[in-house]
Amino acid sequence: MPLRHVELLQANPAPPDLSDDIERLRGALAAQGIRVVSTEGDGLIALPGAVEGLGAVLARLEDNDTPCGLLDTSGYYSKLFRDASDSEMDRLVRERQRGRVVVDRDPAALVRSLAEYQPPETRRQSGASA
C-alpha cells in the first residue's frame, strides 16, 4: 500500500534549530504526494524533541503495520539508541517491529525510505506454508 498520509510528531512549538529540517521534510513529503495529517496516517514521523515522539512510535508499532520514521537531526535518535543497552532495546522494540523503524538524518532520504517501505518478513511469516 503506498504511503499517502503521514502523522508528524513534533514539539510544540518546534525548536528553532529544527525549522530548516521541518521545511525540508514538508517539501520532501509534498514532492512524494504525501499529506501531513493530525492522526492515524499511513505512516508516522517523529522529530527530535517531541515529548511523546518515541513513546508514540513504540505504541504505533504495537498497534499496526505502518512504517515509523525518526528524523535524526544532530544524531538525536542515534545517541538515544546508542546509549540504551541491548536488553533495554529488546524490551522496547520487538524483533518483528525493528524493520518498520526508519532512521535518517536527511529529511528527503527519510521520506523516500518511507515511501518505498515494504513490511519486513518475520521468521514466522517466512516459514509459513500456504
N, C-alpha and C. Protein backbone atom coordinates (compact mmCIF):
# COMPACT_ATOMS: atom_id res chain seq x y z
N MET A 1 0.86 -1.18 0.00
CA MET A 1 0.00 0.00 0.00
C MET A 1 0.90 1.24 0.00
N PRO A 2 0.69 2.13 -0.94
CA PRO A 2 1.53 3.34 -0.98
C PRO A 2 1.23 4.26 0.20
N LEU A 3 2.25 4.97 0.59
CA LEU A 3 2.12 5.93 1.69
C LEU A 3 1.46 7.19 1.15
N ARG A 4 0.30 7.57 1.73
CA ARG A 4 -0.43 8.76 1.27
C ARG A 4 -0.53 9.83 2.34
N HIS A 5 -0.57 9.41 3.61
CA HIS A 5 -0.76 10.33 4.73
C HIS A 5 0.21 9.98 5.84
N VAL A 6 0.88 10.98 6.39
CA VAL A 6 1.85 10.77 7.46
C VAL A 6 1.49 11.66 8.64
N GLU A 7 1.53 11.06 9.82
CA GLU A 7 1.36 11.83 11.05
C GLU A 7 2.75 12.32 11.46
N LEU A 8 2.86 13.60 11.75
CA LEU A 8 4.13 14.21 12.11
C LEU A 8 4.10 14.58 13.59
N LEU A 9 5.00 13.99 14.38
CA LEU A 9 5.08 14.29 15.80
C LEU A 9 6.22 15.26 16.04
N GLN A 10 5.92 16.39 16.62
CA GLN A 10 6.96 17.38 16.91
C GLN A 10 6.61 18.15 18.16
N ALA A 11 7.63 18.73 18.77
CA ALA A 11 7.41 19.57 19.94
C ALA A 11 6.61 20.79 19.50
N ASN A 12 5.81 21.31 20.39
CA ASN A 12 5.03 22.49 20.06
C ASN A 12 5.33 23.59 21.09
N PRO A 13 5.97 24.66 20.69
CA PRO A 13 6.43 24.97 19.35
C PRO A 13 7.70 24.20 19.02
N ALA A 14 7.94 24.05 17.73
CA ALA A 14 9.14 23.35 17.27
C ALA A 14 10.38 24.16 17.64
N PRO A 15 11.44 23.49 18.08
CA PRO A 15 12.68 24.21 18.38
C PRO A 15 13.18 24.95 17.14
N PRO A 16 13.70 26.17 17.30
CA PRO A 16 14.16 26.95 16.15
C PRO A 16 15.22 26.24 15.32
N ASP A 17 16.07 25.45 15.95
CA ASP A 17 17.14 24.78 15.21
C ASP A 17 16.62 23.66 14.30
N LEU A 18 15.35 23.31 14.41
CA LEU A 18 14.75 22.30 13.54
C LEU A 18 13.98 22.90 12.38
N SER A 19 13.82 24.20 12.35
CA SER A 19 12.94 24.81 11.35
C SER A 19 13.35 24.47 9.91
N ASP A 20 14.65 24.49 9.62
CA ASP A 20 15.09 24.15 8.25
C ASP A 20 14.77 22.69 7.92
N ASP A 21 15.04 21.80 8.87
CA ASP A 21 14.75 20.38 8.65
C ASP A 21 13.27 20.13 8.49
N ILE A 22 12.45 20.83 9.26
CA ILE A 22 11.00 20.66 9.15
C ILE A 22 10.52 21.12 7.77
N GLU A 23 11.04 22.24 7.31
CA GLU A 23 10.66 22.72 5.97
C GLU A 23 11.12 21.75 4.89
N ARG A 24 12.33 21.22 5.01
CA ARG A 24 12.84 20.25 4.03
C ARG A 24 12.00 18.98 4.07
N LEU A 25 11.61 18.55 5.28
CA LEU A 25 10.78 17.37 5.43
C LEU A 25 9.41 17.58 4.78
N ARG A 26 8.80 18.71 5.05
CA ARG A 26 7.49 19.01 4.45
C ARG A 26 7.59 19.10 2.92
N GLY A 27 8.68 19.68 2.42
CA GLY A 27 8.89 19.75 0.98
C GLY A 27 9.07 18.37 0.36
N ALA A 28 9.83 17.51 1.05
CA ALA A 28 10.04 16.15 0.55
C ALA A 28 8.74 15.35 0.56
N LEU A 29 7.93 15.55 1.60
CA LEU A 29 6.62 14.88 1.65
C LEU A 29 5.74 15.34 0.50
N ALA A 30 5.70 16.65 0.28
CA ALA A 30 4.88 17.21 -0.80
C ALA A 30 5.35 16.69 -2.16
N ALA A 31 6.66 16.60 -2.34
CA ALA A 31 7.21 16.12 -3.61
C ALA A 31 6.81 14.67 -3.89
N GLN A 32 6.61 13.89 -2.84
CA GLN A 32 6.18 12.50 -2.98
C GLN A 32 4.66 12.37 -3.00
N GLY A 33 3.95 13.50 -2.85
CA GLY A 33 2.50 13.47 -2.83
C GLY A 33 1.93 12.94 -1.53
N ILE A 34 2.68 13.08 -0.44
CA ILE A 34 2.26 12.58 0.86
C ILE A 34 1.78 13.76 1.70
N ARG A 35 0.56 13.67 2.21
CA ARG A 35 -0.02 14.73 3.04
C ARG A 35 0.30 14.50 4.50
N VAL A 36 0.45 15.58 5.26
CA VAL A 36 0.61 15.51 6.71
C VAL A 36 -0.78 15.57 7.32
N VAL A 37 -1.08 14.61 8.21
CA VAL A 37 -2.37 14.56 8.90
C VAL A 37 -2.13 14.63 10.40
N SER A 38 -3.18 14.95 11.15
CA SER A 38 -3.01 15.10 12.60
C SER A 38 -3.05 13.77 13.35
N THR A 39 -3.75 12.79 12.82
CA THR A 39 -3.80 11.48 13.48
C THR A 39 -3.95 10.36 12.47
N GLU A 40 -3.50 9.19 12.86
CA GLU A 40 -3.71 7.95 12.12
C GLU A 40 -3.38 8.02 10.63
N GLY A 41 -2.16 8.38 10.31
CA GLY A 41 -1.72 8.35 8.93
C GLY A 41 -1.30 6.95 8.52
N ASP A 42 -0.87 6.81 7.26
CA ASP A 42 -0.34 5.55 6.76
C ASP A 42 1.06 5.31 7.31
N GLY A 43 1.62 6.34 7.90
CA GLY A 43 2.95 6.28 8.48
C GLY A 43 3.08 7.35 9.54
N LEU A 44 4.22 7.37 10.20
CA LEU A 44 4.46 8.28 11.30
C LEU A 44 5.91 8.75 11.23
N ILE A 45 6.13 10.05 11.44
CA ILE A 45 7.48 10.59 11.53
C ILE A 45 7.58 11.37 12.83
N ALA A 46 8.59 11.04 13.63
CA ALA A 46 8.83 11.74 14.89
C ALA A 46 10.07 12.61 14.74
N LEU A 47 9.95 13.87 15.14
CA LEU A 47 11.06 14.80 15.12
C LEU A 47 11.73 14.83 16.49
N PRO A 48 13.00 15.16 16.56
CA PRO A 48 13.66 15.28 17.86
C PRO A 48 12.93 16.28 18.74
N GLY A 49 12.85 15.95 20.02
CA GLY A 49 12.24 16.87 20.98
C GLY A 49 10.76 16.68 21.20
N ALA A 50 10.11 15.87 20.37
CA ALA A 50 8.69 15.60 20.59
C ALA A 50 8.60 14.74 21.84
N VAL A 51 8.02 15.29 22.89
CA VAL A 51 7.99 14.61 24.18
C VAL A 51 7.42 13.20 24.05
N GLU A 52 6.31 13.07 23.35
CA GLU A 52 5.69 11.76 23.21
C GLU A 52 6.21 11.01 22.00
N GLY A 53 7.15 11.59 21.25
CA GLY A 53 7.59 11.03 19.98
C GLY A 53 7.96 9.57 20.01
N LEU A 54 8.94 9.17 20.79
CA LEU A 54 9.39 7.79 20.80
C LEU A 54 8.31 6.88 21.38
N GLY A 55 7.63 7.34 22.43
CA GLY A 55 6.54 6.55 23.00
C GLY A 55 5.44 6.30 22.00
N ALA A 56 5.09 7.32 21.22
CA ALA A 56 4.04 7.17 20.20
C ALA A 56 4.49 6.21 19.11
N VAL A 57 5.76 6.30 18.73
CA VAL A 57 6.28 5.38 17.72
C VAL A 57 6.18 3.95 18.22
N LEU A 58 6.61 3.72 19.46
CA LEU A 58 6.56 2.36 20.01
C LEU A 58 5.13 1.85 20.13
N ALA A 59 4.21 2.73 20.53
CA ALA A 59 2.80 2.34 20.62
C ALA A 59 2.25 2.01 19.24
N ARG A 60 2.61 2.78 18.24
CA ARG A 60 2.14 2.54 16.87
C ARG A 60 2.69 1.23 16.35
N LEU A 61 3.91 0.89 16.74
CA LEU A 61 4.49 -0.38 16.31
C LEU A 61 3.69 -1.56 16.86
N GLU A 62 3.13 -1.38 18.03
CA GLU A 62 2.30 -2.43 18.64
C GLU A 62 0.96 -2.57 17.94
N ASP A 63 0.41 -1.44 17.51
CA ASP A 63 -0.97 -1.40 17.02
C ASP A 63 -1.18 -1.85 15.59
N ASN A 64 -0.25 -1.58 14.71
CA ASN A 64 -0.47 -1.88 13.30
C ASN A 64 0.85 -2.03 12.56
N ASP A 65 0.79 -2.14 11.24
CA ASP A 65 1.98 -2.38 10.44
C ASP A 65 2.49 -1.14 9.70
N THR A 66 2.16 0.05 10.18
CA THR A 66 2.61 1.26 9.49
C THR A 66 4.10 1.49 9.73
N PRO A 67 4.79 2.07 8.75
CA PRO A 67 6.19 2.41 8.95
C PRO A 67 6.31 3.65 9.84
N CYS A 68 7.39 3.70 10.60
CA CYS A 68 7.63 4.82 11.51
C CYS A 68 9.01 5.39 11.22
N GLY A 69 9.07 6.67 10.95
CA GLY A 69 10.33 7.33 10.67
C GLY A 69 10.78 8.20 11.83
N LEU A 70 12.08 8.23 12.03
CA LEU A 70 12.66 9.10 13.05
C LEU A 70 13.64 10.03 12.34
N LEU A 71 13.37 11.34 12.36
CA LEU A 71 14.30 12.30 11.77
C LEU A 71 15.42 12.53 12.78
N ASP A 72 16.61 12.09 12.42
CA ASP A 72 17.74 12.03 13.35
C ASP A 72 18.59 13.30 13.30
N THR A 73 17.97 14.45 13.41
CA THR A 73 18.68 15.73 13.40
C THR A 73 19.69 15.76 14.54
N SER A 74 20.91 16.13 14.22
CA SER A 74 22.01 16.22 15.19
C SER A 74 22.25 14.91 15.94
N GLY A 75 21.89 13.78 15.33
CA GLY A 75 22.12 12.48 15.94
C GLY A 75 21.27 12.21 17.16
N TYR A 76 20.14 12.91 17.28
CA TYR A 76 19.27 12.80 18.46
C TYR A 76 18.88 11.34 18.75
N TYR A 77 18.30 10.65 17.76
CA TYR A 77 17.85 9.27 17.98
C TYR A 77 19.02 8.30 18.00
N SER A 78 20.04 8.54 17.18
CA SER A 78 21.21 7.66 17.19
C SER A 78 21.83 7.62 18.58
N LYS A 79 21.95 8.78 19.21
CA LYS A 79 22.52 8.84 20.55
C LYS A 79 21.62 8.12 21.54
N LEU A 80 20.33 8.32 21.42
CA LEU A 80 19.37 7.66 22.31
C LEU A 80 19.51 6.14 22.21
N PHE A 81 19.57 5.62 20.98
CA PHE A 81 19.69 4.18 20.79
C PHE A 81 21.07 3.66 21.18
N ARG A 82 22.09 4.44 20.90
CA ARG A 82 23.46 4.04 21.24
C ARG A 82 23.63 3.93 22.76
N ASP A 83 23.00 4.83 23.50
CA ASP A 83 23.13 4.84 24.95
C ASP A 83 22.28 3.77 25.65
N ALA A 84 21.30 3.22 24.96
CA ALA A 84 20.46 2.19 25.56
C ALA A 84 21.17 0.84 25.47
N SER A 85 21.01 0.05 26.50
CA SER A 85 21.60 -1.29 26.48
C SER A 85 20.79 -2.19 25.55
N ASP A 86 21.41 -3.30 25.14
CA ASP A 86 20.71 -4.25 24.27
C ASP A 86 19.44 -4.78 24.94
N SER A 87 19.51 -5.06 26.23
CA SER A 87 18.33 -5.58 26.91
C SER A 87 17.22 -4.53 26.97
N GLU A 88 17.59 -3.25 27.13
CA GLU A 88 16.58 -2.19 27.11
C GLU A 88 15.93 -2.09 25.74
N MET A 89 16.74 -2.18 24.68
CA MET A 89 16.19 -2.10 23.33
C MET A 89 15.30 -3.30 23.05
N ASP A 90 15.70 -4.49 23.52
CA ASP A 90 14.88 -5.67 23.32
C ASP A 90 13.53 -5.53 24.00
N ARG A 91 13.50 -4.88 25.16
CA ARG A 91 12.22 -4.66 25.86
C ARG A 91 11.38 -3.62 25.14
N LEU A 92 12.02 -2.61 24.58
CA LEU A 92 11.28 -1.52 23.93
C LEU A 92 10.75 -1.90 22.56
N VAL A 93 11.61 -2.51 21.74
CA VAL A 93 11.25 -2.77 20.35
C VAL A 93 11.46 -4.25 20.06
N ARG A 94 10.39 -4.94 19.77
CA ARG A 94 10.48 -6.37 19.46
C ARG A 94 11.08 -6.59 18.08
N GLU A 95 11.59 -7.78 17.85
CA GLU A 95 12.23 -8.12 16.57
C GLU A 95 11.33 -7.82 15.38
N ARG A 96 10.06 -8.19 15.47
CA ARG A 96 9.16 -8.01 14.33
C ARG A 96 8.86 -6.54 14.05
N GLN A 97 9.16 -5.66 15.01
CA GLN A 97 8.90 -4.24 14.85
C GLN A 97 10.10 -3.49 14.27
N ARG A 98 11.29 -4.00 14.46
CA ARG A 98 12.50 -3.26 14.12
C ARG A 98 12.61 -2.87 12.66
N GLY A 99 12.17 -3.71 11.76
CA GLY A 99 12.24 -3.40 10.34
C GLY A 99 11.28 -2.31 9.92
N ARG A 100 10.37 -1.92 10.81
CA ARG A 100 9.39 -0.88 10.48
C ARG A 100 9.85 0.49 10.92
N VAL A 101 10.99 0.58 11.61
CA VAL A 101 11.51 1.87 12.05
C VAL A 101 12.61 2.30 11.09
N VAL A 102 12.44 3.48 10.50
CA VAL A 102 13.41 4.05 9.58
C VAL A 102 14.03 5.27 10.24
N VAL A 103 15.34 5.30 10.34
CA VAL A 103 16.04 6.43 10.96
C VAL A 103 16.95 7.04 9.92
N ASP A 104 16.86 8.36 9.74
CA ASP A 104 17.75 9.04 8.79
C ASP A 104 17.91 10.49 9.20
N ARG A 105 19.09 11.05 8.93
CA ARG A 105 19.35 12.46 9.23
C ARG A 105 18.84 13.39 8.14
N ASP A 106 18.70 12.85 6.94
CA ASP A 106 18.29 13.65 5.79
C ASP A 106 16.77 13.53 5.59
N PRO A 107 16.03 14.64 5.70
CA PRO A 107 14.57 14.56 5.55
C PRO A 107 14.12 13.93 4.24
N ALA A 108 14.76 14.27 3.12
CA ALA A 108 14.36 13.71 1.82
C ALA A 108 14.61 12.21 1.76
N ALA A 109 15.75 11.76 2.29
CA ALA A 109 16.06 10.33 2.30
C ALA A 109 15.08 9.57 3.20
N LEU A 110 14.72 10.16 4.33
CA LEU A 110 13.75 9.54 5.24
C LEU A 110 12.41 9.37 4.54
N VAL A 111 11.96 10.40 3.86
CA VAL A 111 10.68 10.34 3.15
C VAL A 111 10.73 9.30 2.03
N ARG A 112 11.83 9.26 1.28
CA ARG A 112 11.98 8.25 0.21
C ARG A 112 11.89 6.84 0.80
N SER A 113 12.59 6.62 1.90
CA SER A 113 12.58 5.29 2.54
C SER A 113 11.17 4.91 3.00
N LEU A 114 10.45 5.87 3.56
CA LEU A 114 9.08 5.58 4.00
C LEU A 114 8.17 5.35 2.80
N ALA A 115 8.35 6.12 1.74
CA ALA A 115 7.51 5.96 0.54
C ALA A 115 7.75 4.61 -0.12
N GLU A 116 8.97 4.08 -0.02
CA GLU A 116 9.32 2.80 -0.63
C GLU A 116 9.17 1.63 0.35
N TYR A 117 8.67 1.90 1.53
CA TYR A 117 8.58 0.91 2.59
C TYR A 117 7.80 -0.33 2.18
N GLN A 118 8.36 -1.48 2.48
CA GLN A 118 7.69 -2.76 2.34
C GLN A 118 7.75 -3.43 3.70
N PRO A 119 6.65 -3.96 4.22
CA PRO A 119 6.69 -4.60 5.54
C PRO A 119 7.74 -5.71 5.55
N PRO A 120 8.53 -5.78 6.62
CA PRO A 120 9.56 -6.81 6.69
C PRO A 120 8.96 -8.19 6.91
N GLU A 121 9.66 -9.20 6.42
CA GLU A 121 9.26 -10.56 6.71
C GLU A 121 9.78 -10.92 8.08
N THR A 122 9.00 -11.64 8.82
CA THR A 122 9.46 -12.14 10.12
C THR A 122 9.76 -13.62 9.97
N ARG A 123 10.43 -14.18 10.92
CA ARG A 123 10.73 -15.61 10.86
C ARG A 123 9.45 -16.41 10.77
N ARG A 124 8.44 -15.99 11.48
CA ARG A 124 7.16 -16.71 11.48
C ARG A 124 6.52 -16.65 10.10
N GLN A 125 6.55 -15.47 9.44
CA GLN A 125 5.96 -15.34 8.10
C GLN A 125 6.73 -16.16 7.07
N SER A 126 8.06 -16.09 7.12
CA SER A 126 8.86 -16.75 6.08
C SER A 126 8.76 -18.26 6.16
N GLY A 127 8.43 -18.83 7.32
CA GLY A 127 8.32 -20.26 7.47
C GLY A 127 6.91 -20.79 7.27
N ALA A 128 5.96 -19.89 7.04
CA ALA A 128 4.57 -20.30 6.89
C ALA A 128 4.35 -20.94 5.53
N SER A 129 3.51 -21.95 5.48
CA SER A 129 3.18 -22.56 4.19
C SER A 129 1.74 -22.26 3.83
N ALA A 130 1.44 -22.30 2.52
CA ALA A 130 0.10 -21.97 2.05
C ALA A 130 -0.83 -23.14 2.05
